[in-house]
C-alpha atoms as a PDB file:
ATOM      1  CA  MET A   1      86.824 -33.778 130.159  1.00  0.00           C
ATOM      2  CA  LYS A   2      82.755 -32.920 129.157  1.00  0.00           C
ATOM      3  CA  ARG A   3      84.454 -33.045 125.225  1.00  0.00           C
ATOM      4  CA  ARG A   4      85.690 -36.571 126.049  1.00  0.00           C
ATOM      5  CA  LEU A   5      82.367 -37.969 127.639  1.00  0.00           C
ATOM      6  CA  SER A   6      80.554 -36.548 124.732  1.00  0.00           C
ATOM      7  CA  ILE A   7      83.007 -38.407 122.197  1.00  0.00           C
ATOM      8  CA  GLY A   8      82.727 -41.267 124.128  1.00  0.00           C
ATOM      9  CA  LEU A   9      79.014 -41.622 124.419  1.00  0.00           C
ATOM     10  CA  ALA A  10      78.676 -41.269 120.571  1.00  0.00           C
ATOM     11  CA  VAL A  11      80.889 -43.678 119.915  1.00  0.00           C
ATOM     12  CA  VAL A  12      78.833 -46.443 122.604  1.00  0.00           C
ATOM     13  CA  LEU A  13      76.073 -44.844 120.442  1.00  0.00           C
ATOM     14  CA  LEU A  14      77.110 -45.629 116.703  1.00  0.00           C
ATOM     15  CA  LEU A  15      78.450 -48.742 118.262  1.00  0.00           C
ATOM     16  CA  ALA A  16      74.683 -49.699 119.105  1.00  0.00           C
ATOM     17  CA  VAL A  17      73.318 -48.750 116.036  1.00  0.00           C
ATOM     18  CA  VAL A  18      75.727 -51.083 114.195  1.00  0.00           C
ATOM     19  CA  ALA A  19      74.756 -53.950 116.269  1.00  0.00           C
ATOM     20  CA  VAL A  20      71.079 -53.325 115.668  1.00  0.00           C
ATOM     21  CA  VAL A  21      71.565 -53.450 112.063  1.00  0.00           C
ATOM     22  CA  VAL A  22      73.923 -56.601 112.487  1.00  0.00           C
ATOM     23  CA  TRP A  23      71.143 -58.207 114.466  1.00  0.00           C
ATOM     24  CA  GLY A  24      68.391 -57.269 112.192  1.00  0.00           C
ATOM     25  CA  ARG A  25      69.750 -59.210 109.229  1.00  0.00           C
ATOM     26  CA  GLY A  26      69.329 -62.306 110.659  1.00  0.00           C
ATOM     27  CA  ASP A  27      70.644 -64.802 108.647  1.00  0.00           C
ATOM     28  CA  ASP A  28      71.130 -62.516 105.423  1.00  0.00           C
ATOM     29  CA  GLN A  29      74.663 -63.590 103.733  1.00  0.00           C
ATOM     30  CA  PRO A  30      76.576 -60.931 102.006  1.00  0.00           C
ATOM     31  CA  GLN A  31      76.533 -61.579  98.160  1.00  0.00           C
ATOM     32  CA  ASP A  32      80.383 -61.353  97.716  1.00  0.00           C
ATOM     33  CA  GLN A  33      80.277 -64.154 100.685  1.00  0.00           C
ATOM     34  CA  LEU A  34      78.127 -66.375  98.626  1.00  0.00           C
ATOM     35  CA  THR A  35      79.167 -69.212  95.987  1.00  0.00           C
ATOM     36  CA  THR A  36      77.516 -69.113  92.625  1.00  0.00           C
ATOM     37  CA  VAL A  37      75.967 -72.122  91.417  1.00  0.00           C
ATOM     38  CA  ARG A  38      74.756 -72.241  87.553  1.00  0.00           C
ATOM     39  CA  GLY A  39      72.479 -74.356  86.231  1.00  0.00           C
ATOM     40  CA  VAL A  40      69.903 -75.218  83.578  1.00  0.00           C
ATOM     41  CA  ILE A  41      66.339 -76.219  84.406  1.00  0.00           C
ATOM     42  CA  GLY A  42      63.093 -76.953  82.592  1.00  0.00           C
ATOM     43  CA  SER A  43      60.976 -73.692  82.414  1.00  0.00           C
ATOM     44  CA  GLU A  44      58.085 -74.857  84.708  1.00  0.00           C
ATOM     45  CA  LYS A  45      60.850 -74.763  87.601  1.00  0.00           C
ATOM     46  CA  GLN A  46      61.388 -71.286  86.903  1.00  0.00           C
ATOM     47  CA  ALA A  47      59.273 -69.679  89.814  1.00  0.00           C
ATOM     48  CA  PHE A  48      60.591 -72.167  92.269  1.00  0.00           C
ATOM     49  CA  PHE A  49      64.145 -71.026  91.898  1.00  0.00           C
ATOM     50  CA  THR A  50      63.398 -67.597  91.659  1.00  0.00           C
ATOM     51  CA  ASP A  51      61.438 -67.221  94.543  1.00  0.00           C
ATOM     52  CA  PRO A  52      62.640 -64.820  97.449  1.00  0.00           C
ATOM     53  CA  ARG A  53      62.282 -67.740  99.799  1.00  0.00           C
ATOM     54  CA  VAL A  54      63.786 -70.055  97.991  1.00  0.00           C
ATOM     55  CA  VAL A  55      66.660 -67.819  97.477  1.00  0.00           C
ATOM     56  CA  GLU A  56      66.948 -67.284 101.089  1.00  0.00           C
ATOM     57  CA  ALA A  57      67.229 -71.051 101.895  1.00  0.00           C
ATOM     58  CA  PHE A  58      69.950 -71.625  99.539  1.00  0.00           C
ATOM     59  CA  ALA A  59      71.940 -68.216 100.897  1.00  0.00           C
ATOM     60  CA  LYS A  60      71.851 -70.163 104.546  1.00  0.00           C
ATOM     61  CA  HIS A  61      73.760 -72.797 102.845  1.00  0.00           C
ATOM     62  CA  LYS A  62      76.103 -69.711 101.601  1.00  0.00           C
ATOM     63  CA  LEU A  63      74.742 -70.518  98.048  1.00  0.00           C
ATOM     64  CA  LYS A  64      73.567 -68.342  95.030  1.00  0.00           C
ATOM     65  CA  VAL A  65      71.893 -70.646  92.331  1.00  0.00           C
ATOM     66  CA  GLU A  66      71.196 -68.923  89.074  1.00  0.00           C
ATOM     67  CA  VAL A  67      69.180 -70.874  86.301  1.00  0.00           C
ATOM     68  CA  ASP A  68      68.690 -70.694  82.628  1.00  0.00           C
ATOM     69  CA  THR A  69      65.749 -72.441  81.062  1.00  0.00           C
ATOM     70  CA  ALA A  70      65.461 -75.082  78.321  1.00  0.00           C
ATOM     71  CA  GLY A  71      63.222 -77.736  77.046  1.00  0.00           C
ATOM     72  CA  SER A  72      64.086 -81.161  78.396  1.00  0.00           C
ATOM     73  CA  ARG A  73      64.580 -82.707  74.935  1.00  0.00           C
ATOM     74  CA  GLN A  74      67.291 -79.765  74.483  1.00  0.00           C
ATOM     75  CA  ILE A  75      69.293 -79.886  77.652  1.00  0.00           C
ATOM     76  CA  ALA A  76      69.740 -83.229  76.254  1.00  0.00           C
ATOM     77  CA  THR A  77      70.674 -83.053  73.377  1.00  0.00           C
ATOM     78  CA  THR A  78      71.607 -79.427  72.044  1.00  0.00           C
ATOM     79  CA  VAL A  79      72.627 -77.158  74.877  1.00  0.00           C
ATOM     80  CA  ASP A  80      75.868 -76.705  75.795  1.00  0.00           C
ATOM     81  CA  LEU A  81      76.421 -78.102  79.321  1.00  0.00           C
ATOM     82  CA  GLY A  82      79.806 -77.091  79.687  1.00  0.00           C
ATOM     83  CA  LYS A  83      78.572 -73.938  80.845  1.00  0.00           C
ATOM     84  CA  TYR A  84      77.246 -75.079  83.930  1.00  0.00           C
ATOM     85  CA  GLU A  85      77.149 -77.143  86.950  1.00  0.00           C
ATOM     86  CA  PHE A  86      73.933 -78.762  87.111  1.00  0.00           C
ATOM     87  CA  ALA A  87      71.207 -80.087  84.662  1.00  0.00           C
ATOM     88  CA  PHE A  88      67.895 -80.235  85.680  1.00  0.00           C
ATOM     89  CA  PRO A  89      65.120 -81.656  83.254  1.00  0.00           C
ATOM     90  CA  SER A  90      61.704 -82.882  84.031  1.00  0.00           C
ATOM     91  CA  SER A  91      62.156 -85.767  81.913  1.00  0.00           C
ATOM     92  CA  SER A  92      64.103 -88.883  83.333  1.00  0.00           C
ATOM     93  CA  PRO A  93      64.413 -90.128  80.103  1.00  0.00           C
ATOM     94  CA  ALA A  94      66.303 -87.106  79.186  1.00  0.00           C
ATOM     95  CA  ALA A  95      68.330 -87.108  82.546  1.00  0.00           C
ATOM     96  CA  GLN A  96      69.299 -90.837  81.941  1.00  0.00           C
ATOM     97  CA  LYS A  97      70.732 -89.753  78.351  1.00  0.00           C
ATOM     98  CA  ILE A  98      72.360 -86.618  80.273  1.00  0.00           C
ATOM     99  CA  GLN A  99      74.157 -89.485  82.877  1.00  0.00           C
ATOM    100  CA  ARG A 100      75.202 -91.097  80.316  1.00  0.00           C
ATOM    101  CA  ASP A 101      76.796 -88.993  78.380  1.00  0.00           C
ATOM    102  CA  ARG A 102      78.241 -87.106  81.142  1.00  0.00           C
ATOM    103  CA  LYS A 103      79.486 -90.474  82.683  1.00  0.00           C
ATOM    104  CA  VAL A 104      77.856 -88.998  86.192  1.00  0.00           C
ATOM    105  CA  THR A 105      77.247 -91.912  88.571  1.00  0.00           C
ATOM    106  CA  THR A 106      75.018 -90.138  91.241  1.00  0.00           C
ATOM    107  CA  VAL A 107      71.538 -88.411  90.337  1.00  0.00           C
ATOM    108  CA  HIS A 108      68.972 -86.526  92.619  1.00  0.00           C
ATOM    109  CA  THR A 109      65.338 -86.673  92.159  1.00  0.00           C
ATOM    110  CA  PRO A 110      64.027 -84.065  94.751  1.00  0.00           C
ATOM    111  CA  PHE A 111      60.505 -83.688  93.122  1.00  0.00           C
ATOM    112  CA  GLN A 112      57.895 -85.289  90.509  1.00  0.00           C
ATOM    113  CA  SER A 113      54.581 -84.103  88.816  1.00  0.00           C
ATOM    114  CA  PRO A 114      52.136 -86.673  87.487  1.00  0.00           C
ATOM    115  CA  MET A 115      50.592 -85.523  84.140  1.00  0.00           C
ATOM    116  CA  ALA A 116      46.849 -84.451  84.583  1.00  0.00           C
ATOM    117  CA  VAL A 117      44.273 -82.265  82.291  1.00  0.00           C
ATOM    118  CA  ALA A 118      42.784 -79.177  83.273  1.00  0.00           C
ATOM    119  CA  THR A 119      39.146 -79.010  82.360  1.00  0.00           C
ATOM    120  CA  PHE A 120      35.518 -77.920  83.214  1.00  0.00           C
ATOM    121  CA  GLU A 121      32.500 -79.486  84.991  1.00  0.00           C
ATOM    122  CA  PRO A 122      30.338 -78.876  81.928  1.00  0.00           C
ATOM    123  CA  ILE A 123      33.439 -81.296  79.795  1.00  0.00           C
ATOM    124  CA  VAL A 124      33.409 -83.741  82.300  1.00  0.00           C
ATOM    125  CA  GLN A 125      29.582 -84.324  82.430  1.00  0.00           C
ATOM    126  CA  LEU A 126      30.184 -84.964  78.454  1.00  0.00           C
ATOM    127  CA  LEU A 127      32.792 -87.372  78.671  1.00  0.00           C
ATOM    128  CA  GLU A 128      31.525 -89.108  81.449  1.00  0.00           C
ATOM    129  CA  ALA A 129      28.254 -89.825  79.889  1.00  0.00           C
ATOM    130  CA  ASP A 130      30.511 -91.357  76.924  1.00  0.00           C
ATOM    131  CA  GLY A 131      32.484 -93.641  79.464  1.00  0.00           C
ATOM    132  CA  ALA A 132      35.494 -91.511  78.838  1.00  0.00           C
ATOM    133  CA  VAL A 133      35.226 -90.425  82.853  1.00  0.00           C
ATOM    134  CA  ARG A 134      34.927 -92.487  85.534  1.00  0.00           C
ATOM    135  CA  GLU A 135      36.390 -92.725  89.314  1.00  0.00           C
ATOM    136  CA  GLY A 136      39.979 -93.641  90.092  1.00  0.00           C
ATOM    137  CA  ALA A 137      41.060 -96.178  92.830  1.00  0.00           C
ATOM    138  CA  GLY A 138      41.908 -93.290  94.923  1.00  0.00           C
ATOM    139  CA  GLY A 139      38.575 -91.477  95.019  1.00  0.00           C
ATOM    140  CA  TYR A 140      39.758 -89.008  92.181  1.00  0.00           C
ATOM    141  CA  GLN A 141      38.426 -88.706  88.557  1.00  0.00           C
ATOM    142  CA  VAL A 142      40.435 -89.947  85.805  1.00  0.00           C
ATOM    143  CA  LEU A 143      40.464 -89.800  82.010  1.00  0.00           C
ATOM    144  CA  ASP A 144      40.394 -92.974  80.332  1.00  0.00           C
ATOM    145  CA  ILE A 145      42.710 -92.878  77.687  1.00  0.00           C
ATOM    146  CA  ALA A 146      41.591 -95.670  75.604  1.00  0.00           C
ATOM    147  CA  LYS A 147      37.766 -94.407  75.877  1.00  0.00           C
ATOM    148  CA  TYR A 148      39.303 -90.758  74.709  1.00  0.00           C
ATOM    149  CA  LEU A 149      41.577 -92.265  71.936  1.00  0.00           C
ATOM    150  CA  GLU A 150      37.763 -93.669  70.554  1.00  0.00           C
ATOM    151  CA  LEU A 151      36.428 -90.354  71.102  1.00  0.00           C
ATOM    152  CA  SER A 152      39.073 -88.333  69.428  1.00  0.00           C
ATOM    153  CA  ASP A 153      38.196 -89.108  66.010  1.00  0.00           C
ATOM    154  CA  LYS A 154      34.654 -87.359  66.687  1.00  0.00           C
ATOM    155  CA  ARG A 155      33.570 -83.903  66.890  1.00  0.00           C
ATOM    156  CA  TRP A 156      32.135 -82.470  70.329  1.00  0.00           C
ATOM    157  CA  ASP A 157      29.197 -81.581  68.593  1.00  0.00           C
ATOM    158  CA  GLN A 158      28.774 -85.233  67.510  1.00  0.00           C
ATOM    159  CA  LEU A 159      28.347 -86.219  70.912  1.00  0.00           C
ATOM    160  CA  PRO A 160      24.891 -87.682  71.779  1.00  0.00           C
ATOM    161  CA  GLY A 161      22.808 -84.949  73.844  1.00  0.00           C
ATOM    162  CA  ASN A 162      25.752 -82.422  73.817  1.00  0.00           C
ATOM    163  CA  THR A 163      24.069 -78.959  74.337  1.00  0.00           C
ATOM    164  CA  ALA A 164      26.930 -77.422  76.573  1.00  0.00           C
ATOM    165  CA  TYR A 165      29.718 -77.562  74.084  1.00  0.00           C
ATOM    166  CA  PRO A 166      28.291 -78.116  70.799  1.00  0.00           C
ATOM    167  CA  ALA A 167      31.896 -77.165  69.413  1.00  0.00           C
ATOM    168  CA  ARG A 168      32.735 -78.091  65.747  1.00  0.00           C
ATOM    169  CA  LYS A 169      36.368 -79.303  66.114  1.00  0.00           C
ATOM    170  CA  ASN A 170      37.585 -82.709  67.812  1.00  0.00           C
ATOM    171  CA  VAL A 171      37.924 -84.199  71.076  1.00  0.00           C
ATOM    172  CA  LEU A 172      41.213 -83.228  71.596  1.00  0.00           C
ATOM    173  CA  ILE A 173      43.454 -82.159  74.535  1.00  0.00           C
ATOM    174  CA  THR A 174      45.717 -79.275  74.113  1.00  0.00           C
ATOM    175  CA  THR A 175      49.267 -79.697  74.414  1.00  0.00           C
ATOM    176  CA  THR A 176      52.498 -78.265  73.825  1.00  0.00           C
ATOM    177  CA  ASP A 177      54.807 -78.588  70.661  1.00  0.00           C
ATOM    178  CA  PRO A 178      55.942 -82.335  70.767  1.00  0.00           C
ATOM    179  CA  ARG A 179      59.179 -81.174  68.940  1.00  0.00           C
ATOM    180  CA  GLU A 180      60.019 -79.010  71.794  1.00  0.00           C
ATOM    181  CA  SER A 181      58.155 -79.242  75.040  1.00  0.00           C
ATOM    182  CA  ASN A 182      58.681 -82.257  77.827  1.00  0.00           C
ATOM    183  CA  SER A 183      55.009 -82.102  78.559  1.00  0.00           C
ATOM    184  CA  ALA A 184      54.096 -83.149  74.949  1.00  0.00           C
ATOM    185  CA  ALA A 185      56.605 -85.939  75.242  1.00  0.00           C
ATOM    186  CA  MET A 186      55.086 -87.226  78.728  1.00  0.00           C
ATOM    187  CA  TYR A 187      51.840 -87.144  76.577  1.00  0.00           C
ATOM    188  CA  LEU A 188      53.095 -89.480  74.039  1.00  0.00           C
ATOM    189  CA  ALA A 189      54.271 -91.467  76.190  1.00  0.00           C
ATOM    190  CA  ILE A 190      50.779 -92.392  77.688  1.00  0.00           C
ATOM    191  CA  VAL A 191      48.872 -92.413  74.734  1.00  0.00           C
ATOM    192  CA  SER A 192      51.653 -94.732  73.007  1.00  0.00           C
ATOM    193  CA  PHE A 193      51.509 -97.144  75.876  1.00  0.00           C
ATOM    194  CA  VAL A 194      48.024 -97.522  75.628  1.00  0.00           C
ATOM    195  CA  ALA A 195      48.113 -97.518  71.540  1.00  0.00           C
ATOM    196  CA  ASN A 196      50.394-100.019  72.076  1.00  0.00           C
ATOM    197  CA  ASP A 197      47.990-102.684  74.165  1.00  0.00           C
ATOM    198  CA  ASN A 198      49.146-101.307  77.252  1.00  0.00           C
ATOM    199  CA  ALA A 199      52.808-102.007  76.904  1.00  0.00           C
ATOM    200  CA  VAL A 200      55.923 -99.429  77.021  1.00  0.00           C
ATOM    201  CA  VAL A 201      56.823 -99.157  73.380  1.00  0.00           C
ATOM    202  CA  SER A 202      60.089-100.893  72.984  1.00  0.00           C
ATOM    203  CA  SER A 203      61.018-102.114  69.457  1.00  0.00           C
ATOM    204  CA  ALA A 204      60.899-100.739  66.069  1.00  0.00           C
ATOM    205  CA  GLU A 205      57.745-102.800  65.234  1.00  0.00           C
ATOM    206  CA  GLN A 206      55.758-100.948  68.321  1.00  0.00           C
ATOM    207  CA  GLU A 207      57.023 -97.484  66.980  1.00  0.00           C
ATOM    208  CA  ALA A 208      55.549 -98.180  63.355  1.00  0.00           C
ATOM    209  CA  LYS A 209      52.426 -99.343  65.029  1.00  0.00           C
ATOM    210  CA  VAL A 210      51.634 -96.464  66.980  1.00  0.00           C
ATOM    211  CA  LEU A 211      52.927 -93.729  65.140  1.00  0.00           C
ATOM    212  CA  PRO A 212      49.780 -92.990  62.979  1.00  0.00           C
ATOM    213  CA  ARG A 213      47.875 -93.037  66.120  1.00  0.00           C
ATOM    214  CA  ILE A 214      49.815 -90.686  68.006  1.00  0.00           C
ATOM    215  CA  SER A 215      50.685 -88.593  65.367  1.00  0.00           C
ATOM    216  CA  LYS A 216      46.986 -87.386  64.391  1.00  0.00           C
ATOM    217  CA  LEU A 217      46.255 -86.526  68.197  1.00  0.00           C
ATOM    218  CA  PHE A 218      49.084 -83.967  67.899  1.00  0.00           C
ATOM    219  CA  LEU A 219      48.396 -82.823  64.140  1.00  0.00           C
ATOM    220  CA  ASP A 220      44.886 -82.673  64.354  1.00  0.00           C
ATOM    221  CA  GLN A 221      45.276 -79.724  67.088  1.00  0.00           C
ATOM    222  CA  GLY A 222      47.092 -77.295  64.449  1.00  0.00           C
ATOM    223  CA  TYR A 223      49.424 -74.822  65.984  1.00  0.00           C
ATOM    224  CA  THR A 224      50.607 -75.530  69.626  1.00  0.00           C
ATOM    225  CA  GLN A 225      52.726 -73.938  71.916  1.00  0.00           C
ATOM    226  CA  ASN A 226      56.203 -74.248  73.072  1.00  0.00           C
ATOM    227  CA  SER A 227      55.913 -74.164  76.952  1.00  0.00           C
ATOM    228  CA  THR A 228      52.753 -76.045  79.032  1.00  0.00           C
ATOM    229  CA  GLU A 229      52.304 -72.460  80.453  1.00  0.00           C
ATOM    230  CA  GLY A 230      50.929 -71.287  77.253  1.00  0.00           C
ATOM    231  CA  PRO A 231      48.048 -73.578  77.360  1.00  0.00           C
ATOM    232  CA  PHE A 232      47.669 -73.651  80.905  1.00  0.00           C
ATOM    233  CA  GLU A 233      47.116 -69.913  80.741  1.00  0.00           C
ATOM    234  CA  ASP A 234      44.696 -69.774  77.944  1.00  0.00           C
ATOM    235  CA  TYR A 235      42.863 -72.188  79.634  1.00  0.00           C
ATOM    236  CA  LEU A 236      42.669 -70.140  82.596  1.00  0.00           C
ATOM    237  CA  SER A 237      41.936 -66.615  80.594  1.00  0.00           C
ATOM    238  CA  ALA A 238      39.949 -67.792  77.764  1.00  0.00           C
ATOM    239  CA  GLY A 239      37.980 -70.389  79.559  1.00  0.00           C
ATOM    240  CA  MET A 240      36.428 -73.426  77.922  1.00  0.00           C
ATOM    241  CA  GLY A 241      35.520 -71.657  74.505  1.00  0.00           C
ATOM    242  CA  LYS A 242      39.426 -71.996  73.313  1.00  0.00           C
ATOM    243  CA  THR A 243      40.720 -74.674  75.600  1.00  0.00           C
ATOM    244  CA  PRO A 244      38.291 -77.329  76.828  1.00  0.00           C
ATOM    245  CA  MET A 245      40.726 -79.761  77.993  1.00  0.00           C
ATOM    246  CA  ALA A 246      44.592 -78.920  78.288  1.00  0.00           C
ATOM    247  CA  LEU A 247      47.249 -80.995  79.246  1.00  0.00           C
ATOM    248  CA  VAL A 248      49.112 -79.732  82.237  1.00  0.00           C
ATOM    249  CA  TYR A 249      51.502 -80.892  84.967  1.00  0.00           C
ATOM    250  CA  GLU A 250      49.551 -81.669  88.569  1.00  0.00           C
ATOM    251  CA  SER A 251      52.020 -79.109  89.878  1.00  0.00           C
ATOM    252  CA  GLN A 252      50.715 -76.139  87.960  1.00  0.00           C
ATOM    253  CA  TYR A 253      46.963 -76.631  88.822  1.00  0.00           C
ATOM    254  CA  VAL A 254      47.771 -77.452  92.771  1.00  0.00           C
ATOM    255  CA  ASP A 255      50.196 -74.660  92.542  1.00  0.00           C
ATOM    256  CA  ARG A 256      47.067 -72.088  91.723  1.00  0.00           C
ATOM    257  CA  LEU A 257      44.860 -74.286  94.272  1.00  0.00           C
ATOM    258  CA  ILE A 258      47.191 -73.598  97.108  1.00  0.00           C
ATOM    259  CA  ARG A 259      47.682 -69.822  96.583  1.00  0.00           C
ATOM    260  CA  ALA A 260      43.796 -69.399  96.259  1.00  0.00           C
ATOM    261  CA  ASP A 261      44.225 -66.099  93.906  1.00  0.00           C
ATOM    262  CA  GLY A 262      40.863 -66.856  92.268  1.00  0.00           C
ATOM    263  CA  SER A 263      42.463 -68.367  89.215  1.00  0.00           C
ATOM    264  CA  ILE A 264      41.182 -71.544  89.840  1.00  0.00           C
ATOM    265  CA  ARG A 265      37.305 -70.993  89.437  1.00  0.00           C
ATOM    266  CA  PRO A 266      34.274 -73.195  90.648  1.00  0.00           C
ATOM    267  CA  ASP A 267      33.560 -75.038  87.173  1.00  0.00           C
ATOM    268  CA  MET A 268      37.370 -75.839  86.549  1.00  0.00           C
ATOM    269  CA  ARG A 269      38.289 -79.394  87.132  1.00  0.00           C
ATOM    270  CA  MET A 270      41.169 -81.444  87.130  1.00  0.00           C
ATOM    271  CA  LEU A 271      41.236 -84.960  85.595  1.00  0.00           C
ATOM    272  CA  TYR A 272      44.115 -87.449  85.926  1.00  0.00           C
ATOM    273  CA  THR A 273      44.721 -89.559  82.766  1.00  0.00           C
ATOM    274  CA  ALA A 274      44.559 -93.290  83.305  1.00  0.00           C
ATOM    275  CA  PRO A 275      47.122 -94.214  82.966  1.00  0.00           C
ATOM    276  CA  THR A 276      49.149 -91.159  83.886  1.00  0.00           C
ATOM    277  CA  VAL A 277      53.272 -90.545  83.745  1.00  0.00           C
ATOM    278  CA  TYR A 278      55.068 -89.135  86.516  1.00  0.00           C
ATOM    279  CA  SER A 279      57.372 -86.332  85.353  1.00  0.00           C
ATOM    280  CA  LYS A 280      60.418 -87.029  87.061  1.00  0.00           C
ATOM    281  CA  HIS A 281      62.697 -83.801  88.071  1.00  0.00           C
ATOM    282  CA  THR A 282      65.890 -85.091  87.883  1.00  0.00           C
ATOM    283  CA  LEU A 283      68.938 -82.999  88.746  1.00  0.00           C
ATOM    284  CA  ILE A 284      72.262 -84.271  87.322  1.00  0.00           C
ATOM    285  CA  PRO A 285      75.408 -82.631  88.739  1.00  0.00           C
ATOM    286  CA  LEU A 286      78.238 -81.526  86.581  1.00  0.00           C
ATOM    287  CA  SER A 287      80.509 -80.361  89.829  1.00  0.00           C
ATOM    288  CA  PRO A 288      80.701 -80.662  93.649  1.00  0.00           C
ATOM    289  CA  ASN A 289      78.789 -77.402  93.895  1.00  0.00           C
ATOM    290  CA  GLY A 290      76.260 -78.852  91.317  1.00  0.00           C
ATOM    291  CA  ASP A 291      76.117 -82.173  93.313  1.00  0.00           C
ATOM    292  CA  ARG A 292      75.384 -79.751  96.498  1.00  0.00           C
ATOM    293  CA  VAL A 293      72.348 -78.132  94.911  1.00  0.00           C
ATOM    294  CA  GLY A 294      70.944 -81.520  94.500  1.00  0.00           C
ATOM    295  CA  GLN A 295      71.524 -82.901  97.803  1.00  0.00           C
ATOM    296  CA  LEU A 296      69.749 -79.776  99.705  1.00  0.00           C
ATOM    297  CA  LEU A 297      66.802 -79.953  97.341  1.00  0.00           C
ATOM    298  CA  ALA A 298      66.575 -83.552  98.474  1.00  0.00           C
ATOM    299  CA  THR A 299      66.844 -83.149 101.762  1.00  0.00           C
ATOM    300  CA  ASP A 300      66.674 -79.887 103.187  1.00  0.00           C
ATOM    301  CA  PRO A 301      62.958 -79.938 104.614  1.00  0.00           C
ATOM    302  CA  ASP A 302      62.912 -75.738 103.958  1.00  0.00           C
ATOM    303  CA  LEU A 303      63.431 -76.276 100.375  1.00  0.00           C
ATOM    304  CA  GLY A 304      61.136 -79.278 100.424  1.00  0.00           C
ATOM    305  CA  ARG A 305      58.367 -77.371 101.853  1.00  0.00           C
ATOM    306  CA  LEU A 306      58.734 -74.699  99.458  1.00  0.00           C
ATOM    307  CA  ALA A 307      58.817 -77.188  96.652  1.00  0.00           C
ATOM    308  CA  ALA A 308      55.394 -78.572  97.584  1.00  0.00           C
ATOM    309  CA  THR A 309      53.861 -75.119  97.915  1.00  0.00           C
ATOM    310  CA  PHE A 310      54.547 -74.924  94.418  1.00  0.00           C
ATOM    311  CA  GLY A 311      52.791 -78.493  93.745  1.00  0.00           C
ATOM    312  CA  PHE A 312      55.597 -80.583  93.542  1.00  0.00           C
ATOM    313  CA  ARG A 313      55.604 -83.851  94.944  1.00  0.00           C
ATOM    314  CA  THR A 314      58.877 -84.171  97.199  1.00  0.00           C
ATOM    315  CA  THR A 315      60.997 -86.953  98.342  1.00  0.00           C
ATOM    316  CA  ASP A 316      58.946 -86.651 101.907  1.00  0.00           C
ATOM    317  CA  PRO A 317      54.860 -87.449 100.904  1.00  0.00           C
ATOM    318  CA  LYS A 318      53.951 -85.618 104.244  1.00  0.00           C
ATOM    319  CA  LEU A 319      55.186 -82.470 102.994  1.00  0.00           C
ATOM    320  CA  PHE A 320      52.949 -82.405  99.835  1.00  0.00           C
ATOM    321  CA  ALA A 321      49.975 -83.976 101.943  1.00  0.00           C
ATOM    322  CA  GLU A 322      50.499 -81.155 104.308  1.00  0.00           C
ATOM    323  CA  VAL A 323      49.806 -78.437 101.909  1.00  0.00           C
ATOM    324  CA  ALA A 324      48.121 -80.170  98.986  1.00  0.00           C
ATOM    325  CA  ARG A 325      45.123 -81.815 101.865  1.00  0.00           C
ATOM    326  CA  ASP A 326      41.945 -82.367  99.954  1.00  0.00           C
ATOM    327  CA  LYS A 327      43.525 -80.602  96.538  1.00  0.00           C
ATOM    328  CA  ALA A 328      45.322 -83.955  95.301  1.00  0.00           C
ATOM    329  CA  PRO A 329      45.520 -87.437  96.018  1.00  0.00           C
ATOM    330  CA  ALA A 330      48.366 -88.640  98.089  1.00  0.00           C
ATOM    331  CA  ASP A 331      48.612 -91.624  95.656  1.00  0.00           C
ATOM    332  CA  LEU A 332      48.466 -92.415  92.122  1.00  0.00           C
ATOM    333  CA  ILE A 333      48.070 -96.232  91.475  1.00  0.00           C
ATOM    334  CA  ASP A 334      47.554 -95.947  87.627  1.00  0.00           C
ATOM    335  CA  ALA A 335      51.320 -94.965  86.490  1.00  0.00           C
ATOM    336  CA  VAL A 336      53.360 -96.283  83.887  1.00  0.00           C
ATOM    337  CA  GLU A 337      57.168 -95.246  82.821  1.00  0.00           C
ATOM    338  CA  PRO A 338      58.200 -93.819  79.679  1.00  0.00           C
ATOM    339  CA  PRO A 339      59.631 -95.196  77.058  1.00  0.00           C
ATOM    340  CA  SER A 340      63.733 -94.968  76.755  1.00  0.00           C
ATOM    341  CA  PHE A 341      64.824 -91.439  75.781  1.00  0.00           C
ATOM    342  CA  GLU A 342      66.201 -92.962  72.386  1.00  0.00           C
ATOM    343  CA  THR A 343      62.875 -94.055  71.352  1.00  0.00           C
ATOM    344  CA  LEU A 344      60.867 -91.445  72.426  1.00  0.00           C
ATOM    345  CA  GLU A 345      63.352 -89.291  70.202  1.00  0.00           C
ATOM    346  CA  ARG A 346      62.602 -91.308  67.312  1.00  0.00           C
ATOM    347  CA  LEU A 347      58.790 -90.926  67.988  1.00  0.00           C
ATOM    348  CA  LEU A 348      58.989 -87.266  68.059  1.00  0.00           C
ATOM    349  CA  ASP A 349      61.175 -87.143  65.253  1.00  0.00           C
ATOM    350  CA  GLU A 350      58.766 -89.152  62.992  1.00  0.00           C
ATOM    351  CA  VAL A 351      55.944 -86.966  64.301  1.00  0.00           C
ATOM    352  CA  LYS A 352      57.894 -83.457  63.490  1.00  0.00           C
ATOM    353  CA  LYS A 353      58.511 -84.945  59.857  1.00  0.00           C
ATOM    354  CA  GLN A 354      54.645 -84.911  59.489  1.00  0.00           C
ATOM    355  CA  TYR A 355      54.402 -81.121  60.237  1.00  0.00           C
END
């Protein structure tokens, strides 16, 4: 009898332990019960997709999302999309091309980010003195691209009264390689709009008109990197001496401000370009499960809040406003659309020939 009681007690204790373990797992899903969905994305979203909180948020919907990275231009032209269930470039022109080529009727744009310039207070003061930096309509500082184009033929040491940064190099924004990177293509969209008398480039004549001006902005930089993380990391680590102005996604800068990890120092500033262009992260579903990923990114509040913590402006503006607070303006008024994919491609190809 005692032996039976001991066995019974042991069974009860074992069941209690199992119950505690299962209860403690909460919403965790066994990996073999998750549906794997593979996609190809722009590299600036990799940190978001690999964040454990994002992985867990998808797991609650029984999804395991795996991603490869490529440039938006590559995703639209050379990547074999047959291996993936969704494509997620950072450029609306690239997304439109994929949508046309794959005959997809539904797309999702769960978040976006305007282009900006990461710089330093002494540089801001120099540019203010030359009329290139001013206050925008929303109270934030902007870099006037028309004034910037006038200055870009000068060296820093030629600016009147410049004792803060008398460098013997041109007044140029550091960008990525226009042959490979979406952020450089967005920069081309901005400067071509201004060089085309404040109109989107839409004809062969207009392309020929703006090409000499915009090519010089890239070629005079010398070596350029193929990912926006490159110049941004140079800006953060090497400082004003190497990178006085770097083209970035607003999300990159705001992400660091939200982290409050000390990487954004007191003398660092973010300027919005006037005009700016929004990099619209557009997901093109290539299967029902890919469509489900897009729907969740656009509608799930947990994923929306997490995207906002990475500095992305989401479909619900309140989420970004709650996270960013005074770190970024709620709205940017002076924003323009990029040219069509075909126009961008022709301009980029012409720039490429000059390297």
